[in-house]
Amino acid sequence: MMKYFIQNKKSTYENTIDEIIQNRKKEIFAFFNSEEKELPFNIYVYDSIESLVKGLRMRGFDKDPDYMCACLKDSDCSLNFFEPKDNPTESEWSKEEYKNVIFHELIHGIQLIIFGVTPEWINEGIAKYLDGTYSKGIEWLLDNYINNNEIP
């Protein structure tokens, strides 16, 4: 059973998240050729991206990068989001764009429920495949991911 922890008690953003989960979970379970299972997530929704990072650190996840916009934490089976602004600037997430982020994290969560903890490279690869990132083509991937990140 999912349990929500909302920073802004007046927010209704939980409805948006729940709608995405209810509407998209079936396709994720189908991809993994798995019967649907109960989703035991704790879902944290913070007011801003800064509150998300601060909240994760307060909850003991101090190694998370400052630029994080959402995450699954397998140690407490939590999905962690922030609520985008109604009128974001060009450099901020819009509510429409952020729906894909919620779907991406849901993929991670369902994968955890089915398979347990798996290597990060496979988690991200599967999530990016299902969320449509790779459908944008190799040139887009090079410009937006590979060429903009240092390879360790």
C-alpha atoms as a PDB file:
ATOM      1  CA  MET A   1       0.000   0.000   0.000  1.00  0.00           C
ATOM      2  CA  MET A   2       1.335   3.397  -0.970  1.00  0.00           C
ATOM      3  CA  LYS A   3       1.692   6.081   1.654  1.00  0.00           C
ATOM      4  CA  TYR A   4       2.162   9.774   0.832  1.00  0.00           C
ATOM      5  CA  PHE A   5       4.199  12.329   2.774  1.00  0.00           C
ATOM      6  CA  ILE A   6       3.438  15.784   1.357  1.00  0.00           C
ATOM      7  CA  GLN A   7       5.431  18.812   2.490  1.00  0.00           C
ATOM      8  CA  ASN A   8       2.744  21.288   1.389  1.00  0.00           C
ATOM      9  CA  LYS A   9      -0.441  20.121   3.117  1.00  0.00           C
ATOM     10  CA  LYS A  10      -2.574  22.250   0.741  1.00  0.00           C
ATOM     11  CA  SER A  11      -1.119  20.589  -2.352  1.00  0.00           C
ATOM     12  CA  THR A  12      -3.132  18.238  -4.518  1.00  0.00           C
ATOM     13  CA  TYR A  13      -0.081  17.074  -6.505  1.00  0.00           C
ATOM     14  CA  GLU A  14      -0.457  13.631  -4.945  1.00  0.00           C
ATOM     15  CA  ASN A  15      -3.428  13.179  -7.301  1.00  0.00           C
ATOM     16  CA  THR A  16      -1.196  13.758 -10.336  1.00  0.00           C
ATOM     17  CA  ILE A  17       1.400  11.277  -9.069  1.00  0.00           C
ATOM     18  CA  ASP A  18      -1.244   8.699  -8.214  1.00  0.00           C
ATOM     19  CA  GLU A  19      -2.874   9.069 -11.635  1.00  0.00           C
ATOM     20  CA  ILE A  20       0.469   8.430 -13.375  1.00  0.00           C
ATOM     21  CA  ILE A  21       1.124   5.390 -11.175  1.00  0.00           C
ATOM     22  CA  GLN A  22      -2.342   3.911 -11.726  1.00  0.00           C
ATOM     23  CA  ASN A  23      -2.314   4.585 -15.490  1.00  0.00           C
ATOM     24  CA  ARG A  24       1.236   3.397 -16.235  1.00  0.00           C
ATOM     25  CA  LYS A  25       2.043   0.556 -13.823  1.00  0.00           C
ATOM     26  CA  LYS A  26       0.386  -2.089 -16.022  1.00  0.00           C
ATOM     27  CA  GLU A  27       2.765  -1.416 -18.944  1.00  0.00           C
ATOM     28  CA  ILE A  28       5.801  -1.699 -16.652  1.00  0.00           C
ATOM     29  CA  PHE A  29       4.687  -5.023 -15.187  1.00  0.00           C
ATOM     30  CA  ALA A  30       3.929  -6.219 -18.737  1.00  0.00           C
ATOM     31  CA  PHE A  31       7.425  -5.217 -19.918  1.00  0.00           C
ATOM     32  CA  PHE A  32       8.929  -7.335 -17.140  1.00  0.00           C
ATOM     33  CA  ASN A  33       6.471 -10.134 -17.971  1.00  0.00           C
ATOM     34  CA  SER A  34       5.301 -10.047 -14.361  1.00  0.00           C
ATOM     35  CA  GLU A  35       1.909 -10.198 -12.778  1.00  0.00           C
ATOM     36  CA  GLU A  36       0.959  -6.983 -11.036  1.00  0.00           C
ATOM     37  CA  LYS A  37       1.992  -6.720  -7.415  1.00  0.00           C
ATOM     38  CA  GLU A  38       1.016  -4.346  -4.653  1.00  0.00           C
ATOM     39  CA  LEU A  39       3.081  -1.164  -4.619  1.00  0.00           C
ATOM     40  CA  PRO A  40       4.449  -0.643  -1.095  1.00  0.00           C
ATOM     41  CA  PHE A  41       5.994   2.774  -1.737  1.00  0.00           C
ATOM     42  CA  ASN A  42       6.434   5.640   0.659  1.00  0.00           C
ATOM     43  CA  ILE A  43       6.025   8.649  -1.602  1.00  0.00           C
ATOM     44  CA  TYR A  44       7.598  11.908  -0.489  1.00  0.00           C
ATOM     45  CA  VAL A  45       6.581  15.112  -2.255  1.00  0.00           C
ATOM     46  CA  TYR A  46       8.613  18.219  -1.472  1.00  0.00           C
ATOM     47  CA  ASP A  47       7.782  21.852  -2.290  1.00  0.00           C
ATOM     48  CA  SER A  48      10.851  22.481  -4.449  1.00  0.00           C
ATOM     49  CA  ILE A  49      13.898  20.791  -5.871  1.00  0.00           C
ATOM     50  CA  GLU A  50      15.957  22.392  -3.088  1.00  0.00           C
ATOM     51  CA  SER A  51      13.572  20.991  -0.463  1.00  0.00           C
ATOM     52  CA  LEU A  52      13.855  17.568  -2.081  1.00  0.00           C
ATOM     53  CA  VAL A  53      17.656  17.541  -1.753  1.00  0.00           C
ATOM     54  CA  LYS A  54      17.482  18.926   1.795  1.00  0.00           C
ATOM     55  CA  GLY A  55      14.761  16.436   2.781  1.00  0.00           C
ATOM     56  CA  LEU A  56      16.747  13.481   1.433  1.00  0.00           C
ATOM     57  CA  ARG A  57      19.804  14.610   3.380  1.00  0.00           C
ATOM     58  CA  MET A  58      17.749  14.990   6.557  1.00  0.00           C
ATOM     59  CA  ARG A  59      16.482  11.444   6.023  1.00  0.00           C
ATOM     60  CA  GLY A  60      20.081  10.157   5.854  1.00  0.00           C
ATOM     61  CA  PHE A  61      20.731  10.199   2.122  1.00  0.00           C
ATOM     62  CA  ASP A  62      23.627  12.660   2.283  1.00  0.00           C
ATOM     63  CA  LYS A  63      25.516  11.372  -0.756  1.00  0.00           C
ATOM     64  CA  ASP A  64      22.856  12.407  -3.261  1.00  0.00           C
ATOM     65  CA  PRO A  65      23.889  15.087  -5.769  1.00  0.00           C
ATOM     66  CA  ASP A  66      22.515  18.636  -5.534  1.00  0.00           C
ATOM     67  CA  TYR A  67      21.081  18.477  -9.044  1.00  0.00           C
ATOM     68  CA  MET A  68      18.802  15.516  -8.325  1.00  0.00           C
ATOM     69  CA  CYS A  69      15.203  16.123  -9.403  1.00  0.00           C
ATOM     70  CA  ALA A  70      13.662  12.824  -8.180  1.00  0.00           C
ATOM     71  CA  CYS A  71      14.787   9.404  -7.005  1.00  0.00           C
ATOM     72  CA  LEU A  72      13.894   5.961  -5.786  1.00  0.00           C
ATOM     73  CA  LYS A  73      15.538   4.963  -2.519  1.00  0.00           C
ATOM     74  CA  ASP A  74      15.562   1.203  -2.282  1.00  0.00           C
ATOM     75  CA  SER A  75      16.611   1.179   1.382  1.00  0.00           C
ATOM     76  CA  ASP A  76      13.209   2.538   2.455  1.00  0.00           C
ATOM     77  CA  CYS A  77      11.222   1.785  -0.728  1.00  0.00           C
ATOM     78  CA  SER A  78      10.551   5.472  -1.271  1.00  0.00           C
ATOM     79  CA  LEU A  79       9.789   7.480  -4.363  1.00  0.00           C
ATOM     80  CA  ASN A  80      10.937  11.059  -3.871  1.00  0.00           C
ATOM     81  CA  PHE A  81       9.629  13.977  -5.924  1.00  0.00           C
ATOM     82  CA  PHE A  82       9.140  17.716  -5.781  1.00  0.00           C
ATOM     83  CA  GLU A  83       6.146  19.648  -7.059  1.00  0.00           C
ATOM     84  CA  PRO A  84       7.076  21.797 -10.059  1.00  0.00           C
ATOM     85  CA  LYS A  85       5.836  25.384 -10.112  1.00  0.00           C
ATOM     86  CA  ASP A  86       2.710  26.318 -12.021  1.00  0.00           C
ATOM     87  CA  ASN A  87       4.670  28.921 -14.004  1.00  0.00           C
ATOM     88  CA  PRO A  88       8.265  27.676 -14.243  1.00  0.00           C
ATOM     89  CA  THR A  89      11.111  29.625 -15.795  1.00  0.00           C
ATOM     90  CA  GLU A  90      12.762  28.241 -18.921  1.00  0.00           C
ATOM     91  CA  SER A  91      15.393  26.448 -16.819  1.00  0.00           C
ATOM     92  CA  GLU A  92      12.887  24.799 -14.427  1.00  0.00           C
ATOM     93  CA  TRP A  93      10.805  21.645 -14.799  1.00  0.00           C
ATOM     94  CA  SER A  94       7.247  22.152 -15.979  1.00  0.00           C
ATOM     95  CA  LYS A  95       4.501  19.979 -14.528  1.00  0.00           C
ATOM     96  CA  GLU A  96       4.034  18.363 -17.942  1.00  0.00           C
ATOM     97  CA  GLU A  97       7.743  17.531 -18.344  1.00  0.00           C
ATOM     98  CA  TYR A  98       7.926  16.217 -14.793  1.00  0.00           C
ATOM     99  CA  LYS A  99       5.262  13.583 -15.487  1.00  0.00           C
ATOM    100  CA  ASN A 100       7.907  11.593 -17.368  1.00  0.00           C
ATOM    101  CA  VAL A 101      10.238  11.878 -14.354  1.00  0.00           C
ATOM    102  CA  ILE A 102       7.516  10.365 -12.160  1.00  0.00           C
ATOM    103  CA  PHE A 103       7.052   7.548 -14.685  1.00  0.00           C
ATOM    104  CA  HIS A 104      10.841   6.983 -14.813  1.00  0.00           C
ATOM    105  CA  GLU A 105      11.060   6.628 -11.021  1.00  0.00           C
ATOM    106  CA  LEU A 106       8.019   4.346 -11.001  1.00  0.00           C
ATOM    107  CA  ILE A 107       9.894   2.050 -13.405  1.00  0.00           C
ATOM    108  CA  HIS A 108      12.770   1.871 -10.904  1.00  0.00           C
ATOM    109  CA  GLY A 109      10.337   1.140  -8.081  1.00  0.00           C
ATOM    110  CA  ILE A 110       8.529  -1.674  -9.859  1.00  0.00           C
ATOM    111  CA  GLN A 111      11.838  -3.164 -10.974  1.00  0.00           C
ATOM    112  CA  LEU A 112      12.945  -3.165  -7.316  1.00  0.00           C
ATOM    113  CA  ILE A 113       9.728  -4.904  -6.237  1.00  0.00           C
ATOM    114  CA  ILE A 114      10.129  -7.624  -8.868  1.00  0.00           C
ATOM    115  CA  PHE A 115      13.899  -8.223  -8.843  1.00  0.00           C
ATOM    116  CA  GLY A 116      15.252  -6.645  -5.656  1.00  0.00           C
ATOM    117  CA  VAL A 117      18.386  -4.527  -5.804  1.00  0.00           C
ATOM    118  CA  THR A 118      20.079  -4.682  -9.220  1.00  0.00           C
ATOM    119  CA  PRO A 119      23.070  -2.798 -10.714  1.00  0.00           C
ATOM    120  CA  GLU A 120      22.469   0.892 -11.404  1.00  0.00           C
ATOM    121  CA  TRP A 121      23.498   0.610 -15.060  1.00  0.00           C
ATOM    122  CA  ILE A 122      20.700  -1.859 -15.756  1.00  0.00           C
ATOM    123  CA  ASN A 123      18.178   0.150 -13.705  1.00  0.00           C
ATOM    124  CA  GLU A 124      18.892   3.339 -15.644  1.00  0.00           C
ATOM    125  CA  GLY A 125      19.110   1.591 -18.992  1.00  0.00           C
ATOM    126  CA  ILE A 126      15.714  -0.046 -18.590  1.00  0.00           C
ATOM    127  CA  ALA A 127      14.086   3.109 -17.203  1.00  0.00           C
ATOM    128  CA  LYS A 128      15.459   5.260 -20.025  1.00  0.00           C
ATOM    129  CA  TYR A 129      14.359   2.689 -22.597  1.00  0.00           C
ATOM    130  CA  LEU A 130      10.799   2.554 -21.226  1.00  0.00           C
ATOM    131  CA  ASP A 131      10.461   6.314 -20.627  1.00  0.00           C
ATOM    132  CA  GLY A 132      11.345   7.021 -24.265  1.00  0.00           C
ATOM    133  CA  THR A 133      14.741   8.681 -23.732  1.00  0.00           C
ATOM    134  CA  TYR A 134      16.462   6.372 -26.216  1.00  0.00           C
ATOM    135  CA  SER A 135      13.763   6.838 -28.843  1.00  0.00           C
ATOM    136  CA  LYS A 136      15.072  10.381 -29.368  1.00  0.00           C
ATOM    137  CA  GLY A 137      18.111   8.983 -31.216  1.00  0.00           C
ATOM    138  CA  ILE A 138      21.843   8.701 -30.735  1.00  0.00           C
ATOM    139  CA  GLU A 139      22.552  12.328 -31.643  1.00  0.00           C
ATOM    140  CA  TRP A 140      20.220  13.547 -28.875  1.00  0.00           C
ATOM    141  CA  LEU A 141      21.812  11.128 -26.393  1.00  0.00           C
ATOM    142  CA  LEU A 142      25.307  12.328 -27.305  1.00  0.00           C
ATOM    143  CA  ASP A 143      24.341  15.996 -27.019  1.00  0.00           C
ATOM    144  CA  ASN A 144      22.315  15.693 -23.809  1.00  0.00           C
ATOM    145  CA  TYR A 145      24.062  12.962 -21.843  1.00  0.00           C
ATOM    146  CA  ILE A 146      27.353  11.611 -23.097  1.00  0.00           C
ATOM    147  CA  ASN A 147      29.035  14.830 -24.278  1.00  0.00           C
ATOM    148  CA  ASN A 148      27.911  16.749 -21.181  1.00  0.00           C
ATOM    149  CA  ASN A 149      29.148  14.294 -18.542  1.00  0.00           C
ATOM    150  CA  GLU A 150      32.595  13.263 -17.471  1.00  0.00           C
ATOM    151  CA  ILE A 151      33.256   9.600 -17.902  1.00  0.00           C
ATOM    152  CA  PRO A 152      34.902   8.218 -14.763  1.00  0.00           C
END
